[in-house]
C-alpha atoms as a PDB file:
ATOM      1  CA  MET A   1     -35.078  34.752 -15.087  1.00  0.00           C
ATOM      2  CA  ALA A   2     -35.170  32.258 -12.225  1.00  0.00           C
ATOM      3  CA  ASP A   3     -35.982  33.434  -8.727  1.00  0.00           C
ATOM      4  CA  PHE A   4     -33.003  33.836  -6.435  1.00  0.00           C
ATOM      5  CA  LEU A   5     -34.580  31.271  -4.088  1.00  0.00           C
ATOM      6  CA  TYR A   6     -37.539  29.284  -5.405  1.00  0.00           C
ATOM      7  CA  VAL A   7     -39.546  26.858  -3.276  1.00  0.00           C
ATOM      8  CA  SER A   8     -42.527  24.991  -4.729  1.00  0.00           C
ATOM      9  CA  GLY A   9     -44.866  22.636  -2.894  1.00  0.00           C
ATOM     10  CA  ILE A  10     -42.362  21.410  -0.346  1.00  0.00           C
ATOM     11  CA  THR A  11     -43.626  18.812   2.116  1.00  0.00           C
ATOM     12  CA  MET A  12     -41.914  17.171   5.078  1.00  0.00           C
ATOM     13  CA  GLU A  13     -43.394  14.118   6.730  1.00  0.00           C
ATOM     14  CA  PHE A  14     -42.094  12.392   9.846  1.00  0.00           C
ATOM     15  CA  GLY A  15     -43.866   9.054   9.973  1.00  0.00           C
ATOM     16  CA  GLY A  16     -47.549   9.953  10.105  1.00  0.00           C
ATOM     17  CA  LEU A  17     -46.912  13.600  10.990  1.00  0.00           C
ATOM     18  CA  THR A  18     -46.818  16.272   8.278  1.00  0.00           C
ATOM     19  CA  ALA A  19     -44.647  19.078   9.645  1.00  0.00           C
ATOM     20  CA  VAL A  20     -44.615  21.141   6.418  1.00  0.00           C
ATOM     21  CA  ASP A  21     -47.483  20.732   3.963  1.00  0.00           C
ATOM     22  CA  ASP A  22     -47.249  21.899   0.330  1.00  0.00           C
ATOM     23  CA  VAL A  23     -45.505  25.204   1.063  1.00  0.00           C
ATOM     24  CA  SER A  24     -44.378  27.512  -1.759  1.00  0.00           C
ATOM     25  CA  PHE A  25     -42.541  30.838  -1.638  1.00  0.00           C
ATOM     26  CA  HIS A  26     -39.751  32.756  -3.316  1.00  0.00           C
ATOM     27  CA  VAL A  27     -37.074  35.254  -2.338  1.00  0.00           C
ATOM     28  CA  ASP A  28     -35.675  37.761  -4.822  1.00  0.00           C
ATOM     29  CA  LYS A  29     -32.084  38.949  -4.719  1.00  0.00           C
ATOM     30  CA  GLY A  30     -31.613  41.864  -2.326  1.00  0.00           C
ATOM     31  CA  GLU A  31     -34.829  41.274  -0.365  1.00  0.00           C
ATOM     32  CA  ILE A  32     -35.413  40.794   3.337  1.00  0.00           C
ATOM     33  CA  VAL A  33     -38.212  38.223   3.576  1.00  0.00           C
ATOM     34  CA  SER A  34     -39.668  37.018   6.874  1.00  0.00           C
ATOM     35  CA  LEU A  35     -41.213  33.626   7.612  1.00  0.00           C
ATOM     36  CA  ILE A  36     -43.447  33.890  10.657  1.00  0.00           C
ATOM     37  CA  GLY A  37     -46.035  31.870  12.543  1.00  0.00           C
ATOM     38  CA  PRO A  38     -46.805  30.438  15.975  1.00  0.00           C
ATOM     39  CA  ASN A  39     -44.602  27.852  17.663  1.00  0.00           C
ATOM     40  CA  GLY A  40     -44.829  24.531  15.849  1.00  0.00           C
ATOM     41  CA  ALA A  41     -45.850  26.152  12.553  1.00  0.00           C
ATOM     42  CA  GLY A  42     -42.962  24.519  10.677  1.00  0.00           C
ATOM     43  CA  LYS A  43     -40.637  27.491  10.236  1.00  0.00           C
ATOM     44  CA  THR A  44     -37.394  25.906  11.444  1.00  0.00           C
ATOM     45  CA  THR A  45     -38.317  22.710   9.599  1.00  0.00           C
ATOM     46  CA  VAL A  46     -38.381  24.787   6.405  1.00  0.00           C
ATOM     47  CA  PHE A  47     -34.874  26.066   7.190  1.00  0.00           C
ATOM     48  CA  ASN A  48     -33.720  22.483   7.776  1.00  0.00           C
ATOM     49  CA  MET A  49     -35.177  21.500   4.407  1.00  0.00           C
ATOM     50  CA  LEU A  50     -33.500  24.403   2.615  1.00  0.00           C
ATOM     51  CA  THR A  51     -30.110  23.609   4.137  1.00  0.00           C
ATOM     52  CA  GLY A  52     -30.157  19.876   3.464  1.00  0.00           C
ATOM     53  CA  VAL A  53     -30.563  18.765   7.074  1.00  0.00           C
ATOM     54  CA  TYR A  54     -33.805  17.032   6.067  1.00  0.00           C
ATOM     55  CA  SER A  55     -34.436  15.233   2.772  1.00  0.00           C
ATOM     56  CA  ILE A  56     -37.794  16.611   1.684  1.00  0.00           C
ATOM     57  CA  THR A  57     -40.758  14.315   1.111  1.00  0.00           C
ATOM     58  CA  ALA A  58     -42.080  16.243  -1.902  1.00  0.00           C
ATOM     59  CA  GLY A  59     -41.647  19.503  -3.786  1.00  0.00           C
ATOM     60  CA  GLU A  60     -38.867  21.439  -5.482  1.00  0.00           C
ATOM     61  CA  MET A  61     -36.263  23.877  -4.199  1.00  0.00           C
ATOM     62  CA  SER A  62     -33.713  25.830  -6.217  1.00  0.00           C
ATOM     63  CA  PHE A  63     -31.193  28.596  -5.610  1.00  0.00           C
ATOM     64  CA  GLN A  64     -29.932  30.745  -8.480  1.00  0.00           C
ATOM     65  CA  GLY A  65     -31.195  28.051 -10.843  1.00  0.00           C
ATOM     66  CA  GLU A  66     -29.402  25.209  -9.008  1.00  0.00           C
ATOM     67  CA  ARG A  67     -31.659  22.450  -7.674  1.00  0.00           C
ATOM     68  CA  LEU A  68     -31.307  21.982  -3.903  1.00  0.00           C
ATOM     69  CA  ASN A  69     -33.193  18.693  -3.545  1.00  0.00           C
ATOM     70  CA  GLU A  70     -30.975  15.850  -2.308  1.00  0.00           C
ATOM     71  CA  ARG A  71     -27.874  18.023  -1.940  1.00  0.00           C
ATOM     72  CA  THR A  72     -25.779  17.705   1.210  1.00  0.00           C
ATOM     73  CA  PRO A  73     -25.579  20.565   3.725  1.00  0.00           C
ATOM     74  CA  GLN A  74     -21.959  21.137   2.665  1.00  0.00           C
ATOM     75  CA  ASP A  75     -22.913  21.437  -0.997  1.00  0.00           C
ATOM     76  CA  ILE A  76     -25.678  23.913  -0.162  1.00  0.00           C
ATOM     77  CA  VAL A  77     -23.284  26.099   1.834  1.00  0.00           C
ATOM     78  CA  LYS A  78     -20.858  26.066  -1.100  1.00  0.00           C
ATOM     79  CA  LEU A  79     -23.682  27.258  -3.373  1.00  0.00           C
ATOM     80  CA  GLY A  80     -24.041  30.363  -1.181  1.00  0.00           C
ATOM     81  CA  ILE A  81     -26.691  29.642   1.477  1.00  0.00           C
ATOM     82  CA  SER A  82     -25.704  29.911   5.132  1.00  0.00           C
ATOM     83  CA  ARG A  83     -27.717  29.997   8.342  1.00  0.00           C
ATOM     84  CA  THR A  84     -27.684  30.887  11.991  1.00  0.00           C
ATOM     85  CA  PHE A  85     -29.581  29.098  14.759  1.00  0.00           C
ATOM     86  CA  GLN A  86     -32.031  30.005  17.518  1.00  0.00           C
ATOM     87  CA  ASN A  87     -29.363  29.312  20.146  1.00  0.00           C
ATOM     88  CA  LEU A  88     -25.910  30.862  19.895  1.00  0.00           C
ATOM     89  CA  ARG A  89     -23.296  28.441  18.594  1.00  0.00           C
ATOM     90  CA  LEU A  90     -20.159  30.481  19.082  1.00  0.00           C
ATOM     91  CA  PHE A  91     -16.992  29.199  20.717  1.00  0.00           C
ATOM     92  CA  PRO A  92     -16.844  31.577  23.702  1.00  0.00           C
ATOM     93  CA  ASN A  93     -13.194  30.844  24.553  1.00  0.00           C
ATOM     94  CA  MET A  94     -11.984  31.598  21.039  1.00  0.00           C
ATOM     95  CA  ARG A  95     -11.310  35.074  19.715  1.00  0.00           C
ATOM     96  CA  VAL A  96     -13.946  36.746  17.568  1.00  0.00           C
ATOM     97  CA  ILE A  97     -11.742  36.625  14.472  1.00  0.00           C
ATOM     98  CA  GLU A  98     -11.180  32.890  14.990  1.00  0.00           C
ATOM     99  CA  ASN A  99     -14.933  32.275  15.243  1.00  0.00           C
ATOM    100  CA  VAL A 100     -15.446  34.104  11.937  1.00  0.00           C
ATOM    101  CA  MET A 101     -12.583  32.206  10.266  1.00  0.00           C
ATOM    102  CA  LEU A 102     -14.327  28.925  11.104  1.00  0.00           C
ATOM    103  CA  GLY A 103     -16.958  29.827   8.524  1.00  0.00           C
ATOM    104  CA  MET A 104     -14.313  29.754   5.798  1.00  0.00           C
ATOM    105  CA  HIS A 105     -13.161  26.193   6.361  1.00  0.00           C
ATOM    106  CA  ILE A 106     -15.878  24.871   4.059  1.00  0.00           C
ATOM    107  CA  HIS A 107     -13.653  26.221   1.259  1.00  0.00           C
ATOM    108  CA  THR A 108     -10.294  25.013   2.668  1.00  0.00           C
ATOM    109  CA  LYS A 109      -7.791  24.029  -0.020  1.00  0.00           C
ATOM    110  CA  TYR A 110      -4.858  22.661   1.997  1.00  0.00           C
ATOM    111  CA  SER A 111      -4.726  18.950   2.848  1.00  0.00           C
ATOM    112  CA  PHE A 112      -4.974  17.359   6.278  1.00  0.00           C
ATOM    113  CA  PHE A 113      -1.227  16.706   6.342  1.00  0.00           C
ATOM    114  CA  GLU A 114      -0.395  20.246   5.201  1.00  0.00           C
ATOM    115  CA  GLY A 115      -2.433  21.490   8.135  1.00  0.00           C
ATOM    116  CA  LEU A 116      -1.005  18.947  10.571  1.00  0.00           C
ATOM    117  CA  LEU A 117       2.564  19.870   9.651  1.00  0.00           C
ATOM    118  CA  ARG A 118       1.715  23.585   9.338  1.00  0.00           C
ATOM    119  CA  LEU A 119       3.378  23.763   5.943  1.00  0.00           C
ATOM    120  CA  PRO A 120       3.695  27.101   4.077  1.00  0.00           C
ATOM    121  CA  SER A 121       0.522  26.391   2.076  1.00  0.00           C
ATOM    122  CA  PHE A 122      -1.402  26.047   5.354  1.00  0.00           C
ATOM    123  CA  ARG A 123       0.057  29.228   6.872  1.00  0.00           C
ATOM    124  CA  ARG A 124      -0.540  31.212   3.681  1.00  0.00           C
ATOM    125  CA  GLU A 125      -4.196  30.198   3.469  1.00  0.00           C
ATOM    126  CA  GLU A 126      -4.805  30.852   7.169  1.00  0.00           C
ATOM    127  CA  ASP A 127      -3.281  34.320   6.805  1.00  0.00           C
ATOM    128  CA  GLU A 128      -5.627  34.988   3.876  1.00  0.00           C
ATOM    129  CA  LYS A 129      -8.590  33.827   5.972  1.00  0.00           C
ATOM    130  CA  ALA A 130      -7.599  36.155   8.806  1.00  0.00           C
ATOM    131  CA  VAL A 131      -7.491  39.118   6.416  1.00  0.00           C
ATOM    132  CA  ARG A 132     -10.891  38.207   4.977  1.00  0.00           C
ATOM    133  CA  ALA A 133     -12.390  37.711   8.458  1.00  0.00           C
ATOM    134  CA  LEU A 134     -11.212  41.178   9.480  1.00  0.00           C
ATOM    135  CA  GLU A 135     -12.740  42.634   6.298  1.00  0.00           C
ATOM    136  CA  ILE A 136     -16.088  41.018   7.164  1.00  0.00           C
ATOM    137  CA  LEU A 137     -15.956  42.286  10.737  1.00  0.00           C
ATOM    138  CA  ASP A 138     -15.082  45.762   9.474  1.00  0.00           C
ATOM    139  CA  SER A 139     -18.028  45.680   7.037  1.00  0.00           C
ATOM    140  CA  ILE A 140     -20.444  45.246   9.954  1.00  0.00           C
ATOM    141  CA  GLY A 141     -18.697  47.623  12.345  1.00  0.00           C
ATOM    142  CA  MET A 142     -17.204  44.888  14.525  1.00  0.00           C
ATOM    143  CA  ALA A 143     -13.510  45.128  13.674  1.00  0.00           C
ATOM    144  CA  TRP A 144     -12.883  46.592  17.137  1.00  0.00           C
ATOM    145  CA  ALA A 145     -13.784  43.197  18.664  1.00  0.00           C
ATOM    146  CA  ALA A 146     -11.569  41.007  16.452  1.00  0.00           C
ATOM    147  CA  ASP A 147      -9.144  40.038  19.230  1.00  0.00           C
ATOM    148  CA  ASP A 148     -11.722  39.842  22.025  1.00  0.00           C
ATOM    149  CA  TYR A 149     -12.972  36.499  23.258  1.00  0.00           C
ATOM    150  CA  ALA A 150     -16.431  35.880  21.835  1.00  0.00           C
ATOM    151  CA  GLY A 151     -17.866  35.004  25.236  1.00  0.00           C
ATOM    152  CA  SER A 152     -16.840  38.376  26.645  1.00  0.00           C
ATOM    153  CA  LEU A 153     -19.050  40.367  24.273  1.00  0.00           C
ATOM    154  CA  PRO A 154     -22.574  41.604  25.035  1.00  0.00           C
ATOM    155  CA  TYR A 155     -25.281  39.254  23.791  1.00  0.00           C
ATOM    156  CA  GLY A 156     -26.294  41.448  20.849  1.00  0.00           C
ATOM    157  CA  ASP A 157     -22.704  41.627  19.612  1.00  0.00           C
ATOM    158  CA  GLN A 158     -22.351  37.852  19.927  1.00  0.00           C
ATOM    159  CA  ARG A 159     -25.321  37.528  17.574  1.00  0.00           C
ATOM    160  CA  LYS A 160     -23.528  39.785  15.081  1.00  0.00           C
ATOM    161  CA  VAL A 161     -20.411  37.604  15.293  1.00  0.00           C
ATOM    162  CA  GLU A 162     -22.518  34.525  14.571  1.00  0.00           C
ATOM    163  CA  ILE A 163     -23.943  36.242  11.492  1.00  0.00           C
ATOM    164  CA  ALA A 164     -20.418  37.300  10.469  1.00  0.00           C
ATOM    165  CA  ARG A 165     -19.370  33.639  10.597  1.00  0.00           C
ATOM    166  CA  ALA A 166     -22.269  32.794   8.273  1.00  0.00           C
ATOM    167  CA  MET A 167     -21.132  35.608   5.948  1.00  0.00           C
ATOM    168  CA  ALA A 168     -17.629  34.104   5.963  1.00  0.00           C
ATOM    169  CA  THR A 169     -18.851  31.034   4.056  1.00  0.00           C
ATOM    170  CA  ASP A 170     -19.140  33.347   0.992  1.00  0.00           C
ATOM    171  CA  ALA A 171     -22.898  33.341   1.505  1.00  0.00           C
ATOM    172  CA  LYS A 172     -25.222  35.214  -0.802  1.00  0.00           C
ATOM    173  CA  LEU A 173     -28.392  34.243   1.098  1.00  0.00           C
ATOM    174  CA  LEU A 174     -28.442  34.391   4.905  1.00  0.00           C
ATOM    175  CA  LEU A 175     -31.051  32.345   6.765  1.00  0.00           C
ATOM    176  CA  LEU A 176     -31.431  33.942  10.198  1.00  0.00           C
ATOM    177  CA  ASP A 177     -33.341  31.821  12.726  1.00  0.00           C
ATOM    178  CA  GLU A 178     -34.785  34.106  15.436  1.00  0.00           C
ATOM    179  CA  PRO A 179     -31.794  36.456  15.690  1.00  0.00           C
ATOM    180  CA  ALA A 180     -33.647  38.701  18.167  1.00  0.00           C
ATOM    181  CA  ALA A 181     -34.353  35.844  20.595  1.00  0.00           C
ATOM    182  CA  GLY A 182     -33.228  36.805  24.082  1.00  0.00           C
ATOM    183  CA  MET A 183     -32.538  40.424  23.197  1.00  0.00           C
ATOM    184  CA  ASN A 184     -33.695  43.405  25.215  1.00  0.00           C
ATOM    185  CA  PRO A 185     -35.546  46.237  23.404  1.00  0.00           C
ATOM    186  CA  ALA A 186     -32.366  48.268  22.810  1.00  0.00           C
ATOM    187  CA  GLU A 187     -30.589  45.243  21.321  1.00  0.00           C
ATOM    188  CA  SER A 188     -33.609  44.534  19.104  1.00  0.00           C
ATOM    189  CA  ARG A 189     -33.552  48.099  17.770  1.00  0.00           C
ATOM    190  CA  ASP A 190     -29.848  47.730  17.043  1.00  0.00           C
ATOM    191  CA  LEU A 191     -30.566  44.447  15.248  1.00  0.00           C
ATOM    192  CA  LEU A 192     -33.018  46.253  12.951  1.00  0.00           C
ATOM    193  CA  THR A 193     -30.277  48.627  11.865  1.00  0.00           C
ATOM    194  CA  PHE A 194     -27.835  45.752  11.517  1.00  0.00           C
ATOM    195  CA  ILE A 195     -30.074  43.661   9.240  1.00  0.00           C
ATOM    196  CA  ARG A 196     -30.837  46.689   7.064  1.00  0.00           C
ATOM    197  CA  HIS A 197     -27.082  47.163   6.751  1.00  0.00           C
ATOM    198  CA  LEU A 198     -26.688  43.540   5.586  1.00  0.00           C
ATOM    199  CA  LYS A 199     -29.081  44.334   2.750  1.00  0.00           C
ATOM    200  CA  ASP A 200     -27.218  47.557   1.957  1.00  0.00           C
ATOM    201  CA  ILE A 201     -23.910  45.692   1.556  1.00  0.00           C
ATOM    202  CA  GLY A 202     -25.388  43.127  -0.817  1.00  0.00           C
ATOM    203  CA  TYR A 203     -26.862  40.264   1.197  1.00  0.00           C
ATOM    204  CA  THR A 204     -30.282  38.688   0.780  1.00  0.00           C
ATOM    205  CA  VAL A 205     -31.983  37.646   4.023  1.00  0.00           C
ATOM    206  CA  LEU A 206     -34.648  35.073   4.866  1.00  0.00           C
ATOM    207  CA  LEU A 207     -35.669  35.617   8.465  1.00  0.00           C
ATOM    208  CA  ILE A 208     -37.563  33.604  11.072  1.00  0.00           C
ATOM    209  CA  GLU A 209     -38.546  35.892  13.908  1.00  0.00           C
ATOM    210  CA  HIS A 210     -41.123  36.191  16.703  1.00  0.00           C
ATOM    211  CA  ASP A 211     -40.386  39.831  17.531  1.00  0.00           C
ATOM    212  CA  MET A 212     -43.118  41.573  15.549  1.00  0.00           C
ATOM    213  CA  ASN A 213     -41.438  44.951  15.896  1.00  0.00           C
ATOM    214  CA  VAL A 214     -38.437  43.544  14.046  1.00  0.00           C
ATOM    215  CA  VAL A 215     -40.546  41.707  11.451  1.00  0.00           C
ATOM    216  CA  MET A 216     -42.856  44.596  10.595  1.00  0.00           C
ATOM    217  CA  ASN A 217     -40.074  47.177  10.394  1.00  0.00           C
ATOM    218  CA  ILE A 218     -37.498  45.150   8.456  1.00  0.00           C
ATOM    219  CA  SER A 219     -39.375  42.955   5.974  1.00  0.00           C
ATOM    220  CA  ASP A 220     -39.906  43.636   2.296  1.00  0.00           C
ATOM    221  CA  ARG A 221     -42.399  40.768   2.245  1.00  0.00           C
ATOM    222  CA  ILE A 222     -43.756  38.261   4.774  1.00  0.00           C
ATOM    223  CA  TYR A 223     -44.965  34.668   4.550  1.00  0.00           C
ATOM    224  CA  VAL A 224     -47.053  33.190   7.355  1.00  0.00           C
ATOM    225  CA  LEU A 225     -47.174  29.512   8.312  1.00  0.00           C
ATOM    226  CA  ASP A 226     -49.676  27.822  10.608  1.00  0.00           C
ATOM    227  CA  HIS A 227     -49.738  24.085  11.296  1.00  0.00           C
ATOM    228  CA  GLY A 228     -47.246  23.526   8.498  1.00  0.00           C
ATOM    229  CA  ARG A 229     -49.225  25.313   5.795  1.00  0.00           C
ATOM    230  CA  ARG A 230     -48.815  28.750   4.267  1.00  0.00           C
ATOM    231  CA  ILE A 231     -51.853  30.830   5.231  1.00  0.00           C
ATOM    232  CA  ALA A 232     -50.804  34.279   3.990  1.00  0.00           C
ATOM    233  CA  GLU A 233     -48.212  36.289   2.112  1.00  0.00           C
ATOM    234  CA  GLY A 234     -47.824  39.987   1.477  1.00  0.00           C
ATOM    235  CA  LEU A 235     -46.366  43.307   2.521  1.00  0.00           C
ATOM    236  CA  PRO A 236     -46.099  44.054   6.254  1.00  0.00           C
ATOM    237  CA  ASP A 237     -49.215  46.254   6.271  1.00  0.00           C
ATOM    238  CA  GLU A 238     -51.191  43.579   4.425  1.00  0.00           C
ATOM    239  CA  ILE A 239     -50.106  40.882   6.869  1.00  0.00           C
ATOM    240  CA  ALA A 240     -50.943  43.059   9.870  1.00  0.00           C
ATOM    241  CA  ALA A 241     -54.486  43.507   8.521  1.00  0.00           C
ATOM    242  CA  ASN A 242     -55.035  39.866   7.476  1.00  0.00           C
ATOM    243  CA  GLN A 243     -57.724  38.302   9.682  1.00  0.00           C
ATOM    244  CA  ASP A 244     -56.412  34.757   9.224  1.00  0.00           C
ATOM    245  CA  VAL A 245     -53.010  35.886  10.430  1.00  0.00           C
ATOM    246  CA  ILE A 246     -54.484  37.822  13.344  1.00  0.00           C
ATOM    247  CA  ASP A 247     -56.438  34.743  14.393  1.00  0.00           C
ATOM    248  CA  ALA A 248     -53.427  32.442  14.083  1.00  0.00           C
ATOM    249  CA  TYR A 249     -50.671  34.607  15.441  1.00  0.00           C
ATOM    250  CA  LEU A 250     -50.575  38.378  15.323  1.00  0.00           C
ATOM    251  CA  GLY A 251     -53.521  38.941  17.624  1.00  0.00           C
ATOM    252  CA  GLY A 252     -51.628  37.650  20.644  1.00  0.00           C
ATOM    253  CA  GLU A 253     -48.505  39.513  19.596  1.00  0.00           C
ATOM    254  CA  ARG A 254     -50.385  42.788  19.209  1.00  0.00           C
ATOM    255  CA  LYS A 255     -51.709  42.522  22.732  1.00  0.00           C
ATOM    256  CA  SER A 256     -48.268  41.807  24.088  1.00  0.00           C
ATOM    257  CA  HIS A 257     -46.859  44.943  22.390  1.00  0.00           C
ATOM    258  CA  ALA A 258     -49.766  47.219  23.325  1.00  0.00           C
END
């Protein structure tokens, strides 16, 4: 049986610079896997490779047996992979439910003219999207905010709305790029519960995160990058005790959390 997400020997070169160098990893269905490392380690570049933003220089990537190499970002989303970004990309002056509905437009069936003229086929599909968006918000405990403007919500809730929009693409695998960035300790603790809930309701998560409290308490497994290469993999306790990881990254983080 093929891995849910399988990545073998991927390399990304920009001119003479190798940003990601022969990196391999896998994610099984239902796991929460973290990809960590110091700034410049290549983590976000890996996400850009997985989502088709970059055409990889070498290696193989597949999702549920479907090869990802050379697919467009739109095709990859349709396969069931969706991501969030380090910086919030919500539309603050749109309602929460409208922000979530935007994630569904990758699967839109009505034509441009049907939408322009607001024909019955357009209205019917938009009504169906609104129902689905409310179901998604309800599944993560955010239905109460459906009619609020996204920009009016606390920062932690805005992050949840961004993840809900990724869920709305019919994603099976969520790539979360530093979801705890900018959060206070209480918001980070709430995020831990939230990500565990995503797993409980059937999502698989690949996470980039610098908050070691989040990483060590949420991850089933962890991969560590440094200077574009994978230097370690294992369970949270194994990673915390790995001297190469401590030297590259966790040592400084441990001091900061002491």
